[in-house]
Amino acid sequence: MTDQLQLDAVHLSFPEIISEVISVAGAPFASGALVKIGLGMAKRVQPIEFPDWDQFLASLETLKNPIAQFEGKAKYFGDGVFGLPGCPFAGSVNAYKSFVGAFPESFARVAQTFNKPSEHTERLRVGHGAGVSPFCCVHQPVRSALADRMTIGGKAVRIYQLGCKAASGTKGLADKWIEEAKVDRASVEKVLEENMCCYCLRVAS
């Protein structure tokens, strides 16, 4: 096999690990375990203070912000709304589909479980329709938990997951968080036309 055709074993293994956990313990357990993996990573990151909004935005652009270091650069659309062009787990998605094929049908059950109201969805402002794959169970909680460890101008930061788009193009929107964050639903749909993820950041008053 040439270097051009060789796939990353880590990218290939992660989806298979998820599949095995589902088969052994079920979709609800897998969803909860993935959330806890995300939270475990986030809590090991040191809290960080940004003097003002402009410096927070600059840290995302220069990848000096833990959120950007984890998921890549997001586009800012104003009024606290961001769009993420690529999923941080795209490597796993592409490698698995190239080597194995389509994901198991059980992956959809994990996303469905994640979207149901729970302690994690309410505290982290995730799910409620915005989860489109098991990878969202890790990604969305990581982002929200990292934001919970940040302040801007001494004020708490909160992230609302507004929507996400699967590799197939299917969109999932979280009407609960769209309404709570006071963002226009049509704006979220527009952001998702060219981005994989849409979220909103609010600074405590």
N, C-alpha and C. Protein backbone atom coordinates (compact mmCIF):
# COMPACT_ATOMS: atom_id res chain seq x y z
N MET A 1 0.85 -1.20 0.00
CA MET A 1 0.00 0.00 0.00
C MET A 1 0.88 1.24 0.00
N THR A 2 0.61 2.19 -0.85
CA THR A 2 1.41 3.40 -0.93
C THR A 2 1.03 4.37 0.17
N ASP A 3 1.90 5.38 0.38
CA ASP A 3 1.61 6.39 1.39
C ASP A 3 0.31 7.11 1.09
N GLN A 4 0.02 7.34 -0.20
CA GLN A 4 -1.18 8.07 -0.58
C GLN A 4 -2.45 7.30 -0.23
N LEU A 5 -2.36 5.98 -0.22
CA LEU A 5 -3.54 5.16 0.05
C LEU A 5 -3.65 4.73 1.50
N GLN A 6 -2.60 4.90 2.28
CA GLN A 6 -2.63 4.45 3.66
C GLN A 6 -3.54 5.34 4.50
N LEU A 7 -4.36 4.72 5.31
CA LEU A 7 -5.30 5.43 6.16
C LEU A 7 -4.80 5.44 7.60
N ASP A 8 -5.24 6.44 8.36
CA ASP A 8 -4.83 6.58 9.76
C ASP A 8 -5.56 5.54 10.61
N ALA A 9 -4.80 4.71 11.30
CA ALA A 9 -5.41 3.65 12.11
C ALA A 9 -6.28 4.21 13.23
N VAL A 10 -5.89 5.36 13.77
CA VAL A 10 -6.69 5.97 14.85
C VAL A 10 -8.05 6.39 14.31
N HIS A 11 -8.05 7.03 13.13
CA HIS A 11 -9.32 7.44 12.52
C HIS A 11 -10.21 6.24 12.24
N LEU A 12 -9.60 5.14 11.81
CA LEU A 12 -10.38 3.94 11.52
C LEU A 12 -10.90 3.27 12.78
N SER A 13 -10.10 3.30 13.84
CA SER A 13 -10.44 2.56 15.05
C SER A 13 -11.57 3.18 15.85
N PHE A 14 -11.63 4.52 15.91
CA PHE A 14 -12.60 5.18 16.78
C PHE A 14 -14.05 4.79 16.43
N PRO A 15 -14.45 4.86 15.15
CA PRO A 15 -15.83 4.43 14.84
C PRO A 15 -16.08 2.96 15.19
N GLU A 16 -15.05 2.12 15.01
CA GLU A 16 -15.23 0.70 15.33
C GLU A 16 -15.38 0.49 16.83
N ILE A 17 -14.66 1.29 17.62
CA ILE A 17 -14.81 1.23 19.07
C ILE A 17 -16.24 1.61 19.47
N ILE A 18 -16.74 2.69 18.85
CA ILE A 18 -18.12 3.12 19.12
C ILE A 18 -19.10 2.00 18.78
N SER A 19 -18.91 1.39 17.63
CA SER A 19 -19.79 0.30 17.19
C SER A 19 -19.79 -0.86 18.17
N GLU A 20 -18.61 -1.20 18.67
CA GLU A 20 -18.50 -2.32 19.61
C GLU A 20 -19.16 -1.99 20.95
N VAL A 21 -19.00 -0.76 21.41
CA VAL A 21 -19.65 -0.35 22.67
C VAL A 21 -21.17 -0.43 22.52
N ILE A 22 -21.68 0.00 21.36
CA ILE A 22 -23.13 -0.07 21.12
C ILE A 22 -23.61 -1.52 21.17
N SER A 23 -22.87 -2.41 20.52
CA SER A 23 -23.29 -3.81 20.45
C SER A 23 -23.24 -4.49 21.81
N VAL A 24 -22.31 -4.08 22.66
CA VAL A 24 -22.15 -4.70 23.97
C VAL A 24 -23.08 -4.09 25.02
N ALA A 25 -23.17 -2.75 25.01
CA ALA A 25 -23.88 -2.06 26.10
C ALA A 25 -25.11 -1.28 25.66
N GLY A 26 -25.32 -1.11 24.37
CA GLY A 26 -26.50 -0.39 23.89
C GLY A 26 -26.23 1.07 23.56
N ALA A 27 -27.12 1.65 22.76
CA ALA A 27 -26.96 3.03 22.30
C ALA A 27 -26.99 4.05 23.43
N PRO A 28 -27.89 3.94 24.42
CA PRO A 28 -27.90 4.92 25.51
C PRO A 28 -26.58 4.95 26.28
N PHE A 29 -26.03 3.77 26.55
CA PHE A 29 -24.75 3.72 27.26
C PHE A 29 -23.66 4.36 26.42
N ALA A 30 -23.64 4.04 25.12
CA ALA A 30 -22.62 4.59 24.23
C ALA A 30 -22.71 6.11 24.18
N SER A 31 -23.92 6.63 24.08
CA SER A 31 -24.10 8.09 24.05
C SER A 31 -23.55 8.73 25.31
N GLY A 32 -23.91 8.17 26.47
CA GLY A 32 -23.43 8.72 27.73
C GLY A 32 -21.92 8.62 27.88
N ALA A 33 -21.36 7.50 27.42
CA ALA A 33 -19.91 7.32 27.52
C ALA A 33 -19.17 8.33 26.65
N LEU A 34 -19.68 8.59 25.46
CA LEU A 34 -19.04 9.55 24.56
C LEU A 34 -19.10 10.97 25.14
N VAL A 35 -20.23 11.31 25.75
CA VAL A 35 -20.34 12.62 26.41
C VAL A 35 -19.29 12.73 27.51
N LYS A 36 -19.16 11.68 28.31
CA LYS A 36 -18.20 11.71 29.42
C LYS A 36 -16.76 11.79 28.92
N ILE A 37 -16.48 11.17 27.78
CA ILE A 37 -15.15 11.29 27.18
C ILE A 37 -14.86 12.74 26.85
N GLY A 38 -15.84 13.41 26.24
CA GLY A 38 -15.68 14.82 25.90
C GLY A 38 -15.47 15.68 27.12
N LEU A 39 -16.28 15.46 28.15
CA LEU A 39 -16.17 16.25 29.37
C LEU A 39 -14.84 15.99 30.08
N GLY A 40 -14.38 14.74 30.00
CA GLY A 40 -13.10 14.42 30.62
C GLY A 40 -11.95 15.17 29.99
N MET A 41 -11.99 15.32 28.67
CA MET A 41 -10.95 16.09 27.99
C MET A 41 -11.02 17.56 28.39
N ALA A 42 -12.23 18.11 28.40
CA ALA A 42 -12.40 19.54 28.66
C ALA A 42 -11.94 19.93 30.06
N LYS A 43 -12.21 19.08 31.05
CA LYS A 43 -11.89 19.46 32.42
C LYS A 43 -10.38 19.47 32.70
N ARG A 44 -9.61 18.89 31.79
CA ARG A 44 -8.16 18.90 31.95
C ARG A 44 -7.51 20.16 31.36
N VAL A 45 -8.31 20.98 30.72
CA VAL A 45 -7.82 22.24 30.14
C VAL A 45 -7.92 23.34 31.18
N GLN A 46 -6.86 24.12 31.31
CA GLN A 46 -6.84 25.18 32.31
C GLN A 46 -7.85 26.28 31.97
N PRO A 47 -8.52 26.84 32.98
CA PRO A 47 -9.42 27.99 32.75
C PRO A 47 -8.65 29.14 32.11
N ILE A 48 -9.34 29.92 31.30
CA ILE A 48 -8.66 31.01 30.60
C ILE A 48 -9.54 32.26 30.60
N GLU A 49 -8.90 33.41 30.76
CA GLU A 49 -9.59 34.70 30.81
C GLU A 49 -9.21 35.53 29.58
N PHE A 50 -10.21 36.06 28.91
CA PHE A 50 -9.98 36.98 27.79
C PHE A 50 -10.42 38.37 28.22
N PRO A 51 -9.56 39.37 28.03
CA PRO A 51 -9.90 40.73 28.48
C PRO A 51 -11.16 41.29 27.83
N ASP A 52 -11.37 40.98 26.55
CA ASP A 52 -12.54 41.52 25.86
C ASP A 52 -12.94 40.61 24.69
N TRP A 53 -14.06 40.95 24.07
CA TRP A 53 -14.61 40.16 22.97
C TRP A 53 -13.66 40.09 21.78
N ASP A 54 -13.03 41.20 21.44
CA ASP A 54 -12.12 41.23 20.30
C ASP A 54 -10.96 40.27 20.49
N GLN A 55 -10.43 40.19 21.69
CA GLN A 55 -9.31 39.28 21.94
C GLN A 55 -9.78 37.83 21.93
N PHE A 56 -11.01 37.61 22.34
CA PHE A 56 -11.56 36.25 22.24
C PHE A 56 -11.65 35.83 20.78
N LEU A 57 -12.19 36.70 19.93
CA LEU A 57 -12.30 36.39 18.50
C LEU A 57 -10.92 36.17 17.89
N ALA A 58 -9.96 37.01 18.28
CA ALA A 58 -8.60 36.88 17.75
C ALA A 58 -7.99 35.54 18.14
N SER A 59 -8.30 35.06 19.34
CA SER A 59 -7.75 33.78 19.81
C SER A 59 -8.30 32.62 19.00
N LEU A 60 -9.53 32.74 18.52
CA LEU A 60 -10.10 31.70 17.66
C LEU A 60 -9.40 31.68 16.31
N GLU A 61 -9.13 32.87 15.80
CA GLU A 61 -8.50 32.99 14.48
C GLU A 61 -7.06 32.48 14.49
N THR A 62 -6.35 32.71 15.59
CA THR A 62 -4.94 32.32 15.69
C THR A 62 -4.74 30.95 16.33
N LEU A 63 -5.85 30.27 16.62
CA LEU A 63 -5.81 28.94 17.24
C LEU A 63 -5.15 28.96 18.61
N LYS A 64 -5.28 30.07 19.32
CA LYS A 64 -4.77 30.16 20.69
C LYS A 64 -5.89 29.97 21.70
N ASN A 65 -7.04 29.58 21.21
CA ASN A 65 -8.20 29.31 22.04
C ASN A 65 -8.42 27.79 22.07
N PRO A 66 -8.61 27.19 23.24
CA PRO A 66 -8.80 25.74 23.31
C PRO A 66 -9.92 25.21 22.41
N ILE A 67 -10.97 26.01 22.23
CA ILE A 67 -12.06 25.56 21.36
C ILE A 67 -11.56 25.41 19.93
N ALA A 68 -10.85 26.41 19.44
CA ALA A 68 -10.31 26.36 18.08
C ALA A 68 -9.24 25.29 17.94
N GLN A 69 -8.46 25.08 18.99
CA GLN A 69 -7.43 24.05 18.94
C GLN A 69 -8.06 22.66 18.79
N PHE A 70 -9.24 22.49 19.36
CA PHE A 70 -9.92 21.20 19.28
C PHE A 70 -10.65 21.01 17.96
N GLU A 71 -11.36 22.05 17.50
CA GLU A 71 -12.25 21.86 16.35
C GLU A 71 -11.83 22.59 15.09
N GLY A 72 -10.84 23.48 15.17
CA GLY A 72 -10.44 24.26 14.00
C GLY A 72 -11.08 25.64 14.00
N LYS A 73 -10.77 26.44 13.00
CA LYS A 73 -11.26 27.81 12.92
C LYS A 73 -12.75 27.83 12.56
N ALA A 74 -13.49 28.63 13.30
CA ALA A 74 -14.90 28.85 12.99
C ALA A 74 -15.07 30.21 12.34
N LYS A 75 -16.10 30.35 11.54
CA LYS A 75 -16.42 31.64 10.92
C LYS A 75 -17.40 32.40 11.81
N TYR A 76 -17.15 33.70 11.98
CA TYR A 76 -18.04 34.50 12.81
C TYR A 76 -19.04 35.23 11.94
N PHE A 77 -20.33 35.08 12.25
CA PHE A 77 -21.40 35.68 11.45
C PHE A 77 -22.07 36.86 12.15
N GLY A 78 -21.53 37.26 13.29
CA GLY A 78 -22.12 38.37 14.03
C GLY A 78 -23.15 37.90 15.05
N ASP A 79 -23.44 38.75 16.03
CA ASP A 79 -24.42 38.47 17.09
C ASP A 79 -24.11 37.17 17.81
N GLY A 80 -22.82 36.86 17.96
CA GLY A 80 -22.42 35.68 18.71
C GLY A 80 -22.57 34.36 17.98
N VAL A 81 -22.96 34.39 16.71
CA VAL A 81 -23.21 33.16 15.95
C VAL A 81 -21.97 32.75 15.15
N PHE A 82 -21.62 31.48 15.25
CA PHE A 82 -20.44 30.94 14.57
C PHE A 82 -20.84 29.75 13.70
N GLY A 83 -20.08 29.56 12.62
CA GLY A 83 -20.25 28.39 11.77
C GLY A 83 -18.91 27.69 11.63
N LEU A 84 -18.91 26.38 11.79
CA LEU A 84 -17.68 25.60 11.67
C LEU A 84 -17.66 24.90 10.32
N PRO A 85 -16.71 25.25 9.44
CA PRO A 85 -16.69 24.68 8.09
C PRO A 85 -16.53 23.17 8.03
N GLY A 86 -15.71 22.62 8.93
CA GLY A 86 -15.45 21.19 8.89
C GLY A 86 -15.61 20.53 10.24
N CYS A 87 -16.09 19.31 10.24
CA CYS A 87 -16.23 18.55 11.48
C CYS A 87 -14.84 18.09 11.95
N PRO A 88 -14.51 18.23 13.24
CA PRO A 88 -13.20 17.78 13.71
C PRO A 88 -13.02 16.26 13.61
N PHE A 89 -14.12 15.55 13.40
CA PHE A 89 -14.04 14.10 13.25
C PHE A 89 -14.16 13.66 11.79
N ALA A 90 -13.99 14.59 10.88
CA ALA A 90 -14.09 14.27 9.45
C ALA A 90 -13.08 13.21 9.05
N GLY A 91 -11.90 13.22 9.67
CA GLY A 91 -10.89 12.22 9.36
C GLY A 91 -11.39 10.81 9.64
N SER A 92 -12.07 10.64 10.77
CA SER A 92 -12.62 9.33 11.12
C SER A 92 -13.75 8.94 10.17
N VAL A 93 -14.61 9.91 9.87
CA VAL A 93 -15.74 9.64 8.98
C VAL A 93 -15.24 9.20 7.60
N ASN A 94 -14.32 9.97 7.05
CA ASN A 94 -13.83 9.68 5.70
C ASN A 94 -13.01 8.40 5.63
N ALA A 95 -12.17 8.18 6.64
CA ALA A 95 -11.34 6.98 6.65
C ALA A 95 -12.20 5.72 6.77
N TYR A 96 -13.18 5.76 7.66
CA TYR A 96 -14.03 4.59 7.87
C TYR A 96 -14.85 4.26 6.63
N LYS A 97 -15.44 5.29 6.04
CA LYS A 97 -16.27 5.06 4.86
C LYS A 97 -15.44 4.59 3.67
N SER A 98 -14.20 5.06 3.60
CA SER A 98 -13.32 4.64 2.51
C SER A 98 -12.88 3.19 2.67
N PHE A 99 -12.62 2.79 3.90
CA PHE A 99 -12.05 1.47 4.17
C PHE A 99 -13.12 0.41 4.43
N VAL A 100 -14.15 0.77 5.19
CA VAL A 100 -15.17 -0.19 5.60
C VAL A 100 -16.48 -0.01 4.83
N GLY A 101 -16.90 1.23 4.71
CA GLY A 101 -18.18 1.52 4.06
C GLY A 101 -19.07 2.36 4.96
N ALA A 102 -20.36 2.22 4.81
CA ALA A 102 -21.31 3.02 5.58
C ALA A 102 -21.25 2.67 7.06
N PHE A 103 -21.58 3.65 7.89
CA PHE A 103 -21.64 3.41 9.33
C PHE A 103 -22.81 2.48 9.64
N PRO A 104 -22.70 1.73 10.74
CA PRO A 104 -23.82 0.86 11.15
C PRO A 104 -25.08 1.68 11.44
N GLU A 105 -26.24 1.07 11.25
CA GLU A 105 -27.50 1.75 11.54
C GLU A 105 -27.60 2.14 13.01
N SER A 106 -26.90 1.43 13.86
CA SER A 106 -26.95 1.71 15.30
C SER A 106 -26.40 3.09 15.64
N PHE A 107 -25.59 3.68 14.75
CA PHE A 107 -25.05 5.01 15.01
C PHE A 107 -26.18 6.04 15.13
N ALA A 108 -27.22 5.85 14.33
CA ALA A 108 -28.35 6.78 14.37
C ALA A 108 -29.04 6.74 15.73
N ARG A 109 -29.09 5.56 16.35
CA ARG A 109 -29.73 5.43 17.66
C ARG A 109 -28.95 6.18 18.73
N VAL A 110 -27.65 6.22 18.59
CA VAL A 110 -26.82 6.97 19.55
C VAL A 110 -27.14 8.46 19.46
N ALA A 111 -27.23 8.96 18.24
CA ALA A 111 -27.56 10.38 18.04
C ALA A 111 -28.96 10.69 18.57
N GLN A 112 -29.90 9.78 18.35
CA GLN A 112 -31.26 9.97 18.85
C GLN A 112 -31.29 10.05 20.37
N THR A 113 -30.51 9.20 21.01
CA THR A 113 -30.43 9.22 22.47
C THR A 113 -29.82 10.52 22.96
N PHE A 114 -28.77 10.95 22.29
CA PHE A 114 -28.09 12.19 22.66
C PHE A 114 -29.04 13.39 22.58
N ASN A 115 -29.94 13.37 21.62
CA ASN A 115 -30.86 14.49 21.42
C ASN A 115 -31.96 14.58 22.47
N LYS A 116 -32.19 13.50 23.20
CA LYS A 116 -33.23 13.52 24.22
C LYS A 116 -32.81 14.38 25.42
N PRO A 117 -33.76 15.07 26.05
CA PRO A 117 -33.43 15.89 27.22
C PRO A 117 -32.77 15.05 28.31
N SER A 118 -31.69 15.57 28.87
CA SER A 118 -30.98 14.89 29.93
C SER A 118 -30.23 15.93 30.75
N GLU A 119 -29.61 15.48 31.81
CA GLU A 119 -28.80 16.39 32.62
C GLU A 119 -27.73 17.07 31.76
N HIS A 120 -27.10 16.30 30.89
CA HIS A 120 -26.02 16.85 30.07
C HIS A 120 -26.53 17.83 29.02
N THR A 121 -27.62 17.49 28.34
CA THR A 121 -28.11 18.40 27.30
C THR A 121 -28.54 19.73 27.90
N GLU A 122 -29.17 19.70 29.06
CA GLU A 122 -29.65 20.94 29.67
C GLU A 122 -28.50 21.79 30.22
N ARG A 123 -27.55 21.14 30.85
CA ARG A 123 -26.44 21.88 31.45
C ARG A 123 -25.48 22.43 30.40
N LEU A 124 -25.29 21.67 29.34
CA LEU A 124 -24.31 22.06 28.32
C LEU A 124 -24.94 22.74 27.11
N ARG A 125 -26.27 22.74 27.05
CA ARG A 125 -27.00 23.39 25.95
C ARG A 125 -26.64 22.75 24.60
N VAL A 126 -26.77 21.43 24.56
CA VAL A 126 -26.45 20.65 23.36
C VAL A 126 -27.64 19.74 23.03
N GLY A 127 -27.50 18.94 21.97
CA GLY A 127 -28.54 17.99 21.61
C GLY A 127 -29.84 18.67 21.22
N HIS A 128 -30.97 18.10 21.64
CA HIS A 128 -32.31 18.62 21.32
C HIS A 128 -32.51 18.76 19.81
N GLY A 129 -31.95 17.82 19.05
CA GLY A 129 -32.10 17.84 17.60
C GLY A 129 -30.82 18.18 16.86
N ALA A 130 -29.85 18.77 17.56
CA ALA A 130 -28.61 19.20 16.91
C ALA A 130 -27.60 18.07 16.77
N GLY A 131 -27.86 16.93 17.38
CA GLY A 131 -26.94 15.80 17.24
C GLY A 131 -27.28 14.98 16.01
N VAL A 132 -26.33 14.80 15.12
CA VAL A 132 -26.60 14.05 13.88
C VAL A 132 -25.76 12.78 13.77
N SER A 133 -24.84 12.56 14.71
CA SER A 133 -24.01 11.36 14.69
C SER A 133 -23.41 11.15 16.07
N PRO A 134 -22.83 9.97 16.33
CA PRO A 134 -22.19 9.75 17.63
C PRO A 134 -21.04 10.73 17.90
N PHE A 135 -20.43 11.24 16.85
CA PHE A 135 -19.32 12.18 17.04
C PHE A 135 -19.79 13.47 17.69
N CYS A 136 -21.05 13.83 17.47
CA CYS A 136 -21.62 15.02 18.11
C CYS A 136 -21.66 14.84 19.63
N CYS A 137 -21.77 13.58 20.08
CA CYS A 137 -21.82 13.30 21.51
C CYS A 137 -20.52 13.68 22.21
N VAL A 138 -19.44 13.71 21.47
CA VAL A 138 -18.16 14.15 22.01
C VAL A 138 -17.94 15.63 21.72
N HIS A 139 -18.13 16.00 20.47
CA HIS A 139 -17.79 17.35 20.01
C HIS A 139 -18.57 18.45 20.72
N GLN A 140 -19.89 18.36 20.73
CA GLN A 140 -20.70 19.43 21.30
C GLN A 140 -20.45 19.62 22.80
N PRO A 141 -20.39 18.55 23.61
CA PRO A 141 -20.07 18.73 25.02
C PRO A 141 -18.67 19.31 25.26
N VAL A 142 -17.69 18.90 24.45
CA VAL A 142 -16.34 19.47 24.61
C VAL A 142 -16.39 20.98 24.44
N ARG A 143 -17.03 21.43 23.37
CA ARG A 143 -17.07 22.87 23.09
C ARG A 143 -17.75 23.64 24.22
N SER A 144 -18.91 23.16 24.64
CA SER A 144 -19.64 23.85 25.71
C SER A 144 -18.87 23.83 27.02
N ALA A 145 -18.27 22.69 27.34
CA ALA A 145 -17.52 22.57 28.59
C ALA A 145 -16.27 23.44 28.58
N LEU A 146 -15.63 23.57 27.43
CA LEU A 146 -14.48 24.46 27.33
C LEU A 146 -14.91 25.91 27.53
N ALA A 147 -16.04 26.28 26.94
CA ALA A 147 -16.55 27.65 27.10
C ALA A 147 -16.88 27.93 28.56
N ASP A 148 -17.37 26.92 29.27
CA ASP A 148 -17.69 27.10 30.68
C ASP A 148 -16.45 27.39 31.52
N ARG A 149 -15.28 27.09 30.97
CA ARG A 149 -14.02 27.34 31.68
C ARG A 149 -13.36 28.64 31.22
N MET A 150 -14.12 29.45 30.49
CA MET A 150 -13.60 30.72 29.99
C MET A 150 -14.42 31.89 30.54
N THR A 151 -13.78 33.04 30.60
CA THR A 151 -14.49 34.28 30.90
C THR A 151 -14.02 35.33 29.90
N ILE A 152 -14.91 36.27 29.60
CA ILE A 152 -14.58 37.40 28.74
C ILE A 152 -14.87 38.67 29.52
N GLY A 153 -13.83 39.43 29.80
CA GLY A 153 -14.00 40.62 30.62
C GLY A 153 -14.50 40.29 32.01
N GLY A 154 -14.11 39.13 32.52
CA GLY A 154 -14.52 38.71 33.85
C GLY A 154 -15.92 38.11 33.92
N LYS A 155 -16.59 37.96 32.77
CA LYS A 155 -17.96 37.44 32.75
C LYS A 155 -18.01 36.04 32.15
N ALA A 156 -18.93 35.25 32.66
CA ALA A 156 -19.07 33.86 32.22
C ALA A 156 -19.48 33.78 30.75
N VAL A 157 -19.03 32.70 30.11
CA VAL A 157 -19.32 32.45 28.71
C VAL A 157 -20.21 31.20 28.60
N ARG A 158 -21.21 31.27 27.74
CA ARG A 158 -22.09 30.12 27.53
C ARG A 158 -22.26 29.88 26.03
N ILE A 159 -22.19 28.62 25.64
CA ILE A 159 -22.39 28.26 24.24
C ILE A 159 -23.69 27.47 24.08
N TYR A 160 -24.41 27.80 23.02
CA TYR A 160 -25.64 27.10 22.66
C TYR A 160 -25.42 26.42 21.32
N GLN A 161 -25.63 25.10 21.26
CA GLN A 161 -25.51 24.37 20.01
C GLN A 161 -26.81 24.55 19.23
N LEU A 162 -26.75 25.24 18.11
CA LEU A 162 -27.96 25.58 17.36
C LEU A 162 -28.30 24.57 16.27
N GLY A 163 -27.28 23.98 15.67
CA GLY A 163 -27.56 23.03 14.60
C GLY A 163 -26.30 22.35 14.12
N CYS A 164 -26.50 21.28 13.37
CA CYS A 164 -25.36 20.53 12.84
C CYS A 164 -25.79 19.86 11.53
N LYS A 165 -24.81 19.57 10.69
CA LYS A 165 -25.09 18.92 9.40
C LYS A 165 -24.26 17.65 9.28
N ALA A 166 -24.93 16.57 8.95
CA ALA A 166 -24.24 15.29 8.78
C ALA A 166 -23.48 15.27 7.46
N ALA A 167 -22.58 14.30 7.33
CA ALA A 167 -21.81 14.16 6.09
C ALA A 167 -22.74 13.93 4.90
N SER A 168 -23.91 13.37 5.15
CA SER A 168 -24.89 13.13 4.09
C SER A 168 -25.60 14.40 3.64
N GLY A 169 -25.44 15.47 4.43
CA GLY A 169 -26.12 16.72 4.13
C GLY A 169 -27.37 16.96 4.96
N THR A 170 -27.79 15.94 5.71
CA THR A 170 -28.96 16.07 6.58
C THR A 170 -28.67 17.06 7.71
N LYS A 171 -29.59 18.00 7.92
CA LYS A 171 -29.40 19.01 8.96
C LYS A 171 -30.24 18.68 10.19
N GLY A 172 -29.66 18.96 11.35
CA GLY A 172 -30.39 18.81 12.60
C GLY A 172 -30.36 20.13 13.34
N LEU A 173 -31.51 20.68 13.68
CA LEU A 173 -31.58 21.97 14.37
C LEU A 173 -32.16 21.79 15.77
N ALA A 174 -31.64 22.55 16.71
CA ALA A 174 -32.10 22.51 18.09
C ALA A 174 -32.99 23.72 18.35
N ASP A 175 -34.27 23.57 18.11
CA ASP A 175 -35.19 24.70 18.26
C ASP A 175 -35.20 25.25 19.69
N LYS A 176 -35.01 24.38 20.66
CA LYS A 176 -34.98 24.84 22.06
C LYS A 176 -33.87 25.85 22.27
N TRP A 177 -32.67 25.54 21.77
CA TRP A 177 -31.52 26.43 21.99
C TRP A 177 -31.56 27.63 21.05
N ILE A 178 -32.12 27.47 19.87
CA ILE A 178 -32.28 28.60 18.95
C ILE A 178 -33.18 29.65 19.59
N GLU A 179 -34.26 29.18 20.20
CA GLU A 179 -35.20 30.11 20.85
C GLU A 179 -34.57 30.74 22.09
N GLU A 180 -33.89 29.92 22.89
CA GLU A 180 -33.31 30.44 24.13
C GLU A 180 -32.19 31.44 23.86
N ALA A 181 -31.42 31.20 22.79
CA ALA A 181 -30.33 32.11 22.45
C ALA A 181 -30.83 33.33 21.66
N LYS A 182 -32.12 33.30 21.31
CA LYS A 182 -32.74 34.41 20.56
C LYS A 182 -32.05 34.63 19.21
N VAL A 183 -31.91 33.54 18.47
CA VAL A 183 -31.32 33.57 17.13
C VAL A 183 -32.40 33.19 16.12
N ASP A 184 -32.41 33.85 14.99
CA ASP A 184 -33.38 33.55 13.94
C ASP A 184 -33.10 32.17 13.33
N ARG A 185 -34.12 31.32 13.27
CA ARG A 185 -33.94 29.96 12.76
C ARG A 185 -33.45 29.95 11.31
N ALA A 186 -33.96 30.87 10.51
CA ALA A 186 -33.54 30.94 9.12
C ALA A 186 -32.05 31.26 9.01
N SER A 187 -31.54 32.03 9.95
CA SER A 187 -30.11 32.36 9.95
C SER A 187 -29.27 31.12 10.22
N VAL A 188 -29.74 30.28 11.12
CA VAL A 188 -29.03 29.03 11.42
C VAL A 188 -29.01 28.13 10.19
N GLU A 189 -30.15 28.02 9.52
CA GLU A 189 -30.22 27.19 8.32
C GLU A 189 -29.27 27.72 7.24
N LYS A 190 -29.16 29.03 7.14
CA LYS A 190 -28.27 29.62 6.15
C LYS A 190 -26.81 29.33 6.48
N VAL A 191 -26.45 29.44 7.76
CA VAL A 191 -25.08 29.13 8.18
C VAL A 191 -24.74 27.69 7.84
N LEU A 192 -25.70 26.78 8.03
CA LEU A 192 -25.45 25.36 7.79
C LEU A 192 -25.40 25.00 6.31
N GLU A 193 -25.75 25.94 5.44
CA GLU A 193 -25.63 25.66 4.01
C GLU A 193 -24.17 25.44 3.62
N GLU A 194 -23.27 26.19 4.25
CA GLU A 194 -21.85 26.09 3.90
C GLU A 194 -20.98 25.67 5.08
N ASN A 195 -21.61 25.29 6.19
CA ASN A 195 -20.85 24.88 7.37
C ASN A 195 -21.46 23.60 7.94
N MET A 196 -20.65 22.89 8.73
CA MET A 196 -21.10 21.64 9.31
C MET A 196 -21.73 21.81 10.68
N CYS A 197 -21.45 22.92 11.33
CA CYS A 197 -21.90 23.13 12.69
C CYS A 197 -22.23 24.60 12.89
N CYS A 198 -23.26 24.88 13.68
CA CYS A 198 -23.62 26.27 13.99
C CYS A 198 -23.88 26.38 15.49
N TYR A 199 -23.22 27.32 16.12
CA TYR A 199 -23.44 27.52 17.55
C TYR A 199 -23.43 29.01 17.87
N CYS A 200 -23.91 29.33 19.04
CA CYS A 200 -24.01 30.72 19.48
C CYS A 200 -23.31 30.88 20.82
N LEU A 201 -22.57 31.95 20.95
CA LEU A 201 -21.89 32.24 22.21
C LEU A 201 -22.51 33.47 22.85
N ARG A 202 -22.82 33.35 24.12
CA ARG A 202 -23.38 34.46 24.88
C ARG A 202 -22.52 34.74 26.12
N VAL A 203 -22.31 36.02 26.39
CA VAL A 203 -21.55 36.44 27.57
C VAL A 203 -22.55 36.93 28.61
N ALA A 204 -22.38 36.49 29.84
CA ALA A 204 -23.30 36.87 30.91
C ALA A 204 -23.33 38.39 31.07
N SER A 205 -24.52 38.91 31.34
CA SER A 205 -24.67 40.36 31.51
C SER A 205 -24.28 40.79 32.92
